[in-house]
Each structure stands twice: as structure tokens, then as C-alpha cells.
């Protein structure tokens, strides 16, 4: 297949691109390499894909590892995005590019509208105009809001997002359904649940916990750590995406659009998660308890039965193993 992966310098994007390229698919990675967090981490991911920082120039294709090439384009750049689709004639698009982060959306709302709404609209238009066979896009468990109805099922209402980030992801799902309905485009949305692992995002709790433990800096435990998260290891996420690419969306509506939870299905108390991380690192954390943050939810808990029945796959990475793998990468990346 000829596949476009947006957000290829991102955490899930890099791992997905590596997997598909190694399988022999022709993969083009796209990213704008913005400075939401340390761009050196993004360049380190691209280096894993065989692309060196000095070779990158805006709107210029760069060859990487076998079957992979990279191009720096912003999804808001409709003109160059359209040219890219015209040149490569993509069969499948995996849209992982987005402005991420719940708390950042409270102080920087405009970037979420630009990236997650306008950028996603440009992807939908390109898929429509160039007859892409299947669009798989990233949604988020954040769309469920602060519901106490667990586990989260795809049939639950998602009408009460408590952050703008969540609202933009809910908007993506509505936009995707409309395009699938109007233009008969096959589209699948994935509601990711707290993805972690090597090359992960530094704004995620497990990453900042690790940094603070290693540097003897206090960790802020919000709500006293009395929160539950459905931590899902990156390899499990990538395997699920890989299996989904060739599966047509199923929906009881007339539109060829489906949305699936993609999580571990075993939520952990943040305090228990921290205890495991302390054991992996071999050091105790310094803890400062804080009140609940705006935009945070009490629990995320995925019911993945719909996805599992579709692709016959369940995540199987124990959290101890996933955190050990992450810390081994962390030590190497930061020369500890």
C-alpha cells in the first residue's frame, strides 16, 4: 500500500511508520515539527526513521529507511498538502497529527482550532478529492468527559467534553461521519487511551514522573493520585492500527464510518502506577499532593470488545514490562 502518516515525528506516528515501512508498504511521513514540546525529541524520532535534522527543508521530500520518506508540511497548508496527494496518490491515510494536551488547550485554545479543526478538514478534503481508500484518524478517550459510567463504550454519549482538546476530537468524529456519509469515504476513528512507551511525549505524566524522580524534583500528584488511567503500551497501539488498515469500517448507519476504543482495558490508580515506576527506576519519588486540575477526568477505562471482535487483538503488554522498556530508552536518550 501507499500510505501517508501525518504526525510522523510524533510518538505514535513514528512507531507506526516504522512498522508499516518494515512490512514493505510505501510510507510517506508528514509533520510540521512544531515546538509544543522539545523539538529535539521529534528529530530523534525522525532519526529512527532514517531522516537527519540537517536534511529537512519545508515541503521537500527526504528519503529515510527503506520504504520511508519524510516531508515537512503543516496540515493548515492546504495548497502544498493537495500537491502531495496529487503526486503520491495515497491509498490509505493515517492521520495522527494534532495539537495534543488537555491542559495546554486551556491557555492556548487557538492552536487547537487551527491544527485539529482546520488541519483535519484539509485532510478530509484531500481524501475526498483524491479517492483515498481508507482514512484512519486519531480521536481520544477525552471525548467521554468526566463520566462515571465505566467501562467507556463507543455507544455512550460524548456530548460533554470538559476541555477544548476533547471538544476538537469530538468535532473530528462528527466531521468524519459527515464526509463518510456525503462522499462514501471509508473512515475509522480511534479513541486512544493514555499511550506510553519509548520516545513518548514529555508532557505525559509517566514521562514527567520519571524525569522528576531521576532529578529528585517533587512530583505533583493531583487529587492525591486518586485518579485512574487506562495506560496502553505503544506496541499494542501500533499493532491494532496495523490490523485495522485493511478492515473496512462497520457502522449501523449508512455512512462507512466507525469509531473504536483502543486501550488496555485495565485502569490503574495513578498512585499504583507511580509505585511500579519507582520500582523500575530504583528510587522513591518526592510527592506533593495537589487538588484536581481543570480539564482532568477521574477515570479512563476502555471497553475494547468492539475492536477486539473486529481484528482479534487484545493488548498484552504488562505495565511493568512497558515501564521497564520506557526507562531503558529514557536512560539511553538522556545519557543517564
Protein backbone atom coordinates (compact mmCIF):
# COMPACT_ATOMS: atom_id res chain seq x y z
CA UNK A 1 0.00 0.00 0.00
CA UNK A 2 0.99 3.62 -0.43
CA UNK A 3 0.36 5.17 2.99
CA UNK A 4 0.51 8.72 4.32
CA UNK A 5 1.13 9.05 8.06
CA UNK A 6 0.62 12.54 9.45
CA UNK A 7 2.32 13.34 12.73
CA UNK A 8 5.23 11.09 11.73
CA UNK A 9 7.63 12.94 14.05
CA UNK A 10 5.20 12.28 16.89
CA UNK A 11 5.15 9.40 19.33
CA UNK A 12 2.54 7.10 17.78
CA UNK A 13 3.32 8.31 14.27
CA UNK A 14 7.00 7.34 14.38
CA UNK A 15 6.30 3.85 15.70
CA UNK A 16 3.50 3.30 13.17
CA UNK A 17 5.66 4.49 10.27
CA UNK A 18 8.48 2.12 11.26
CA UNK A 19 6.12 -0.83 11.47
CA UNK A 20 4.49 -0.22 8.09
CA UNK A 21 7.79 0.54 6.31
CA UNK A 22 9.34 -2.66 7.67
CA UNK A 23 6.36 -4.58 6.32
CA UNK A 24 7.12 -3.28 2.84
CA UNK A 25 4.46 -0.61 2.47
CA UNK A 26 5.45 2.62 0.74
CA UNK A 27 5.19 5.13 3.59
CA UNK A 28 5.34 8.91 3.43
CA UNK A 29 5.58 10.66 6.80
CA UNK A 30 4.38 14.22 7.28
CA UNK A 31 4.88 16.57 10.23
CA UNK A 32 5.17 20.29 10.86
CA UNK A 33 7.70 19.73 13.71
CA UNK A 34 6.13 22.41 15.91
CA UNK A 35 7.60 23.46 19.25
CA UNK A 36 4.77 22.35 21.56
CA UNK A 37 7.48 20.32 23.31
CA UNK A 38 11.23 19.83 22.76
CA UNK A 39 11.78 19.50 19.01
CA UNK A 40 14.97 17.54 19.66
CA UNK A 41 12.81 14.61 20.68
CA UNK A 42 10.94 14.89 17.38
CA UNK A 43 14.23 14.92 15.48
CA UNK A 44 15.36 11.89 17.49
CA UNK A 45 12.23 10.04 16.37
CA UNK A 46 12.87 11.02 12.76
CA UNK A 47 16.42 9.73 13.11
CA UNK A 48 14.92 6.34 13.95
CA UNK A 49 13.20 6.62 10.57
CA UNK A 50 16.49 7.37 8.84
CA UNK A 51 15.93 11.12 8.47
CA UNK A 52 18.56 13.55 9.76
CA UNK A 53 17.70 17.02 11.00
CA UNK A 54 20.02 18.76 8.55
CA UNK A 55 18.28 17.19 5.56
CA UNK A 56 14.85 18.58 6.41
CA UNK A 57 13.53 21.56 4.49
CA UNK A 58 9.90 22.66 4.29
CA UNK A 59 7.91 20.93 1.53
CA UNK A 60 10.94 18.91 0.40
CA UNK A 61 10.78 15.09 0.43
CA UNK A 62 13.66 13.37 2.25
CA UNK A 63 14.44 9.66 1.91
CA UNK A 64 14.74 7.69 5.13
CA UNK A 65 14.87 3.97 5.93
CA UNK A 66 13.78 1.56 3.21
CA UNK A 67 10.21 2.30 2.04
CA UNK A 68 10.01 5.56 4.01
CA UNK A 69 10.28 9.23 3.07
CA UNK A 70 9.52 12.35 5.08
CA UNK A 71 8.19 15.77 4.20
CA UNK A 72 7.67 18.77 6.49
CA UNK A 73 4.27 20.32 5.81
CA UNK A 74 1.71 21.91 8.10
CA UNK A 75 -1.81 20.50 7.72
CA UNK A 76 -3.07 24.07 7.53
CA UNK A 77 -1.10 24.45 4.30
CA UNK A 78 -3.88 23.24 2.01
CA UNK A 79 -2.03 24.10 -1.19
CA UNK A 80 1.06 22.00 -0.54
CA UNK A 81 -0.99 19.26 1.09
CA UNK A 82 -3.09 19.00 -2.06
CA UNK A 83 0.06 18.79 -4.20
CA UNK A 84 1.37 15.99 -2.00
CA UNK A 85 -1.80 13.93 -2.50
CA UNK A 86 -1.71 14.62 -6.23
CA UNK A 87 1.88 13.37 -6.53
CA UNK A 88 1.67 10.24 -4.37
CA UNK A 89 -1.90 9.03 -4.92
CA UNK A 90 -2.18 7.63 -1.39
CA UNK A 91 -4.34 4.55 -0.89
CA UNK A 92 -4.50 4.85 2.90
CA UNK A 93 -4.08 7.82 5.23
CA UNK A 94 -3.31 7.52 8.95
CA UNK A 95 -3.97 10.96 10.45
CA UNK A 96 -2.16 11.18 13.79
CA UNK A 97 -1.16 14.85 13.55
CA UNK A 98 -2.90 17.05 16.10
CA UNK A 99 -2.31 19.60 18.79
CA UNK A 100 -2.27 17.37 21.85
CA UNK A 101 -2.63 18.06 25.56
CA UNK A 102 -5.62 18.77 27.76
CA UNK A 103 -4.13 21.49 29.96
CA UNK A 104 -2.38 23.31 27.11
CA UNK A 105 -5.78 23.76 25.44
CA UNK A 106 -6.95 25.86 28.39
CA UNK A 107 -4.27 28.51 27.85
CA UNK A 108 -3.68 28.17 24.09
CA UNK A 109 -7.09 27.40 22.54
CA UNK A 110 -6.38 28.89 19.10
CA UNK A 111 -3.75 26.28 18.25
CA UNK A 112 -6.34 23.52 18.73
CA UNK A 113 -8.78 25.10 16.31
CA UNK A 114 -6.03 25.64 13.74
CA UNK A 115 -4.48 22.17 13.97
CA UNK A 116 -7.34 19.90 15.00
CA UNK A 117 -10.22 21.51 13.13
CA UNK A 118 -8.78 23.27 10.09
CA UNK A 119 -5.96 20.76 9.68
CA UNK A 120 -8.34 17.81 9.88
CA UNK A 121 -10.71 19.49 7.43
CA UNK A 122 -7.85 19.75 4.92
CA UNK A 123 -7.14 16.03 5.35
CA UNK A 124 -10.78 15.17 4.76
CA UNK A 125 -10.89 17.32 1.64
CA UNK A 126 -7.73 15.72 0.27
CA UNK A 127 -9.09 12.23 0.93
CA UNK A 128 -12.31 13.17 -0.85
CA UNK A 129 -10.66 14.76 -3.86
CA UNK A 130 -8.04 12.04 -4.38
CA UNK A 131 -10.22 9.00 -3.66
CA UNK A 132 -8.32 7.62 -0.68
CA UNK A 133 -9.50 4.09 0.09
CA UNK A 134 -9.36 4.31 3.88
CA UNK A 135 -8.72 7.14 6.35
CA UNK A 136 -7.80 6.15 9.91
CA UNK A 137 -7.64 9.09 12.32
CA UNK A 138 -6.80 9.73 15.96
CA UNK A 139 -9.59 10.64 18.32
CA UNK A 140 -9.19 10.47 22.10
CA UNK A 141 -10.64 8.98 25.26
CA UNK A 142 -11.06 12.62 26.34
CA UNK A 143 -14.32 12.77 24.37
CA UNK A 144 -16.01 10.80 27.17
CA UNK A 145 -15.62 13.74 29.56
CA UNK A 146 -15.95 13.10 33.27
CA UNK A 147 -18.50 10.32 33.02
CA UNK A 148 -18.61 7.78 35.85
CA UNK A 149 -20.22 5.17 33.61
CA UNK A 150 -17.41 2.64 33.20
CA UNK A 151 -16.01 0.99 31.23
CA UNK A 152 -16.36 3.51 28.43
CA UNK A 153 -18.29 2.12 25.47
CA UNK A 154 -18.48 3.59 21.98
CA UNK A 155 -22.28 3.73 22.32
CA UNK A 156 -22.13 6.16 25.26
CA UNK A 157 -22.98 9.82 24.74
CA UNK A 158 -19.96 12.07 24.31
CA UNK A 159 -21.77 15.40 24.45
CA UNK A 160 -19.99 16.92 27.45
CA UNK A 161 -16.26 17.43 26.77
CA UNK A 162 -14.51 19.26 29.61
CA UNK A 163 -11.55 20.63 27.64
CA UNK A 164 -11.24 22.28 24.26
CA UNK A 165 -8.87 19.47 23.23
CA UNK A 166 -11.67 16.97 23.86
CA UNK A 167 -14.15 19.20 22.02
CA UNK A 168 -11.93 19.29 18.92
CA UNK A 169 -11.63 15.49 18.95
CA UNK A 170 -15.39 15.14 19.23
CA UNK A 171 -15.65 17.59 16.33
CA UNK A 172 -13.30 15.39 14.30
CA UNK A 173 -15.62 12.43 14.78
CA UNK A 174 -18.62 14.46 13.61
CA UNK A 175 -16.74 15.84 10.61
CA UNK A 176 -15.52 12.36 9.67
CA UNK A 177 -19.02 10.91 9.84
CA UNK A 178 -20.34 13.68 7.61
CA UNK A 179 -17.64 13.14 4.97
CA UNK A 180 -18.18 9.38 5.07
CA UNK A 181 -21.91 9.93 4.61
CA UNK A 182 -21.72 12.55 1.88
CA UNK A 183 -18.80 11.23 -0.15
CA UNK A 184 -18.77 7.50 0.70
CA UNK A 185 -15.23 7.65 2.12
CA UNK A 186 -14.19 4.73 4.35
CA UNK A 187 -13.16 6.34 7.67
CA UNK A 188 -12.21 4.83 11.03
CA UNK A 189 -11.65 6.83 14.23
CA UNK A 190 -9.61 5.58 17.18
CA UNK A 191 -10.16 6.79 20.72
CA UNK A 192 -6.69 6.38 22.23
CA UNK A 193 -6.32 5.74 25.97
CA UNK A 194 -3.13 7.09 27.68
CA UNK A 195 -0.47 5.71 25.36
CA UNK A 196 3.01 5.29 26.86
CA UNK A 197 6.40 3.85 25.94
CA UNK A 198 9.82 4.68 24.44
CA UNK A 199 10.02 8.02 22.59
CA UNK A 200 6.83 9.10 24.35
CA UNK A 201 5.58 12.65 24.87
CA UNK A 202 7.30 14.60 27.66
CA UNK A 203 4.04 16.30 28.67
CA UNK A 204 2.58 12.94 29.77
CA UNK A 205 2.61 12.07 33.48
CA UNK A 206 4.77 8.93 33.24
CA UNK A 207 7.46 10.91 31.41
CA UNK A 208 7.47 13.84 33.87
CA UNK A 209 7.32 11.42 36.83
CA UNK A 210 10.43 9.68 35.53
CA UNK A 211 12.25 12.97 34.99
CA UNK A 212 11.40 14.24 38.46
CA UNK A 213 12.36 11.00 40.21
CA UNK A 214 15.71 10.92 38.42
CA UNK A 215 16.38 14.59 39.26
CA UNK A 216 15.00 14.44 42.85
CA UNK A 217 12.31 17.01 42.00
CA UNK A 218 8.90 16.77 43.74
CA UNK A 219 6.09 15.14 41.78
CA UNK A 220 2.70 16.86 41.87
CA UNK A 221 0.02 14.25 42.50
CA UNK A 222 -3.27 15.80 41.53
CA UNK A 223 -6.30 14.75 43.55
CA UNK A 224 -3.79 12.94 45.76
CA UNK A 225 -3.15 10.46 42.96
CA UNK A 226 -6.71 9.17 43.38
CA UNK A 227 -7.23 9.01 39.62
CA UNK A 228 -7.36 6.00 37.33
CA UNK A 229 -5.87 5.82 33.85
CA UNK A 230 -6.06 3.11 31.21
CA UNK A 231 -2.34 3.02 30.34
CA UNK A 232 -1.76 1.40 26.93
CA UNK A 233 1.67 0.41 25.63
CA UNK A 234 2.78 1.78 22.28
CA UNK A 235 3.47 -1.60 20.62
CA UNK A 236 -0.10 -2.70 21.33
CA UNK A 237 -1.46 0.51 19.82
CA UNK A 238 0.64 0.14 16.66
CA UNK A 239 -0.34 -3.50 16.17
CA UNK A 240 -4.02 -2.57 16.41
CA UNK A 241 -3.59 0.24 13.86
CA UNK A 242 -1.75 -2.14 11.55
CA UNK A 243 -4.55 -4.70 11.63
CA UNK A 244 -7.24 -2.04 11.12
CA UNK A 245 -5.85 -0.56 7.93
CA UNK A 246 -7.27 -3.24 5.68
CA UNK A 247 -10.55 -3.65 7.57
CA UNK A 248 -13.49 -1.70 6.13
CA UNK A 249 -15.36 0.40 8.72
CA UNK A 250 -18.57 -1.03 10.04
CA UNK A 251 -21.46 1.12 11.14
CA UNK A 252 -25.14 0.55 11.64
CA UNK A 253 -25.70 3.88 9.96
CA UNK A 254 -25.48 4.24 6.20
CA UNK A 255 -22.13 6.01 6.41
CA UNK A 256 -18.93 3.90 6.15
CA UNK A 257 -17.59 5.38 9.41
CA UNK A 258 -16.71 3.63 12.66
CA UNK A 259 -15.15 4.75 15.94
CA UNK A 260 -13.35 2.34 18.28
CA UNK A 261 -11.82 2.50 21.72
CA UNK A 262 -8.18 1.44 21.68
CA UNK A 263 -6.90 0.88 25.21
CA UNK A 264 -5.63 -1.70 27.65
CA UNK A 265 -8.93 -2.20 29.46
CA UNK A 266 -7.18 -2.39 32.86
CA UNK A 267 -7.15 1.05 34.52
CA UNK A 268 -4.50 1.68 37.17
CA UNK A 269 -4.61 4.05 40.10
CA UNK A 270 -2.02 6.74 39.46
CA UNK A 271 -0.52 6.00 42.90
CA UNK A 272 -0.12 2.30 41.99
CA UNK A 273 1.36 3.26 38.63
CA UNK A 274 3.85 5.51 40.42
CA UNK A 275 4.82 2.69 42.78
CA UNK A 276 5.61 0.44 39.82
CA UNK A 277 7.63 3.22 38.21
CA UNK A 278 9.60 3.73 41.44
CA UNK A 279 10.45 0.02 41.47
CA UNK A 280 11.58 0.13 37.83
CA UNK A 281 13.79 3.18 38.43
CA UNK A 282 15.02 2.01 41.82
CA UNK A 283 14.35 5.34 43.55
CA UNK A 284 11.49 6.80 45.58
CA UNK A 285 9.55 9.83 44.42
CA UNK A 286 9.22 13.06 46.37
CA UNK A 287 5.48 13.72 46.40
CA UNK A 288 3.46 16.90 46.75
CA UNK A 289 -0.30 16.40 46.75
CA UNK A 290 -2.32 18.91 44.74
CA UNK A 291 -6.01 19.50 44.09
CA UNK A 292 -7.71 18.38 40.88
CA UNK A 293 -6.70 20.28 37.75
CA UNK A 294 -9.14 21.92 35.38
CA UNK A 295 -9.86 19.66 32.41
CA UNK A 296 -8.79 16.45 34.16
CA UNK A 297 -11.11 13.46 34.47
CA UNK A 298 -11.34 10.99 37.35
CA UNK A 299 -11.01 7.82 35.33
CA UNK A 300 -10.40 6.47 31.83
CA UNK A 301 -11.41 2.86 31.23
CA UNK A 302 -11.77 1.41 27.74
CA UNK A 303 -14.21 -1.28 26.73
CA UNK A 304 -12.40 -2.59 23.64
CA UNK A 305 -14.71 -5.51 22.87
CA UNK A 306 -15.84 -3.96 19.56
CA UNK A 307 -12.27 -3.51 18.34
CA UNK A 308 -11.18 -6.91 19.61
CA UNK A 309 -14.02 -8.69 17.85
CA UNK A 310 -13.15 -6.87 14.63
CA UNK A 311 -9.39 -7.52 14.50
CA UNK A 312 -8.98 -10.37 17.01
CA UNK A 313 -6.43 -8.50 19.08
CA UNK A 314 -6.10 -7.58 22.75
CA UNK A 315 -3.24 -5.60 24.31
CA UNK A 316 -0.95 -7.96 26.22
CA UNK A 317 1.99 -5.84 27.48
CA UNK A 318 2.16 -5.89 31.31
CA UNK A 319 2.61 -2.39 32.71
CA UNK A 320 5.81 -3.45 34.49
CA UNK A 321 7.34 -4.52 31.16
CA UNK A 322 6.14 -1.38 29.36
CA UNK A 323 7.60 0.92 32.01
CA UNK A 324 10.87 -1.03 32.06
CA UNK A 325 11.16 -0.60 28.28
CA UNK A 326 10.41 3.11 28.61
CA UNK A 327 13.01 3.64 31.33
CA UNK A 328 15.70 1.78 29.37
CA UNK A 329 15.04 4.14 26.46
CA UNK A 330 14.92 7.17 28.80
CA UNK A 331 18.35 6.37 30.25
CA UNK A 332 19.87 5.97 26.80
CA UNK A 333 18.20 9.07 25.35
CA UNK A 334 19.28 11.33 28.22
CA UNK A 335 22.67 9.64 28.75
CA UNK A 336 21.97 8.66 32.37
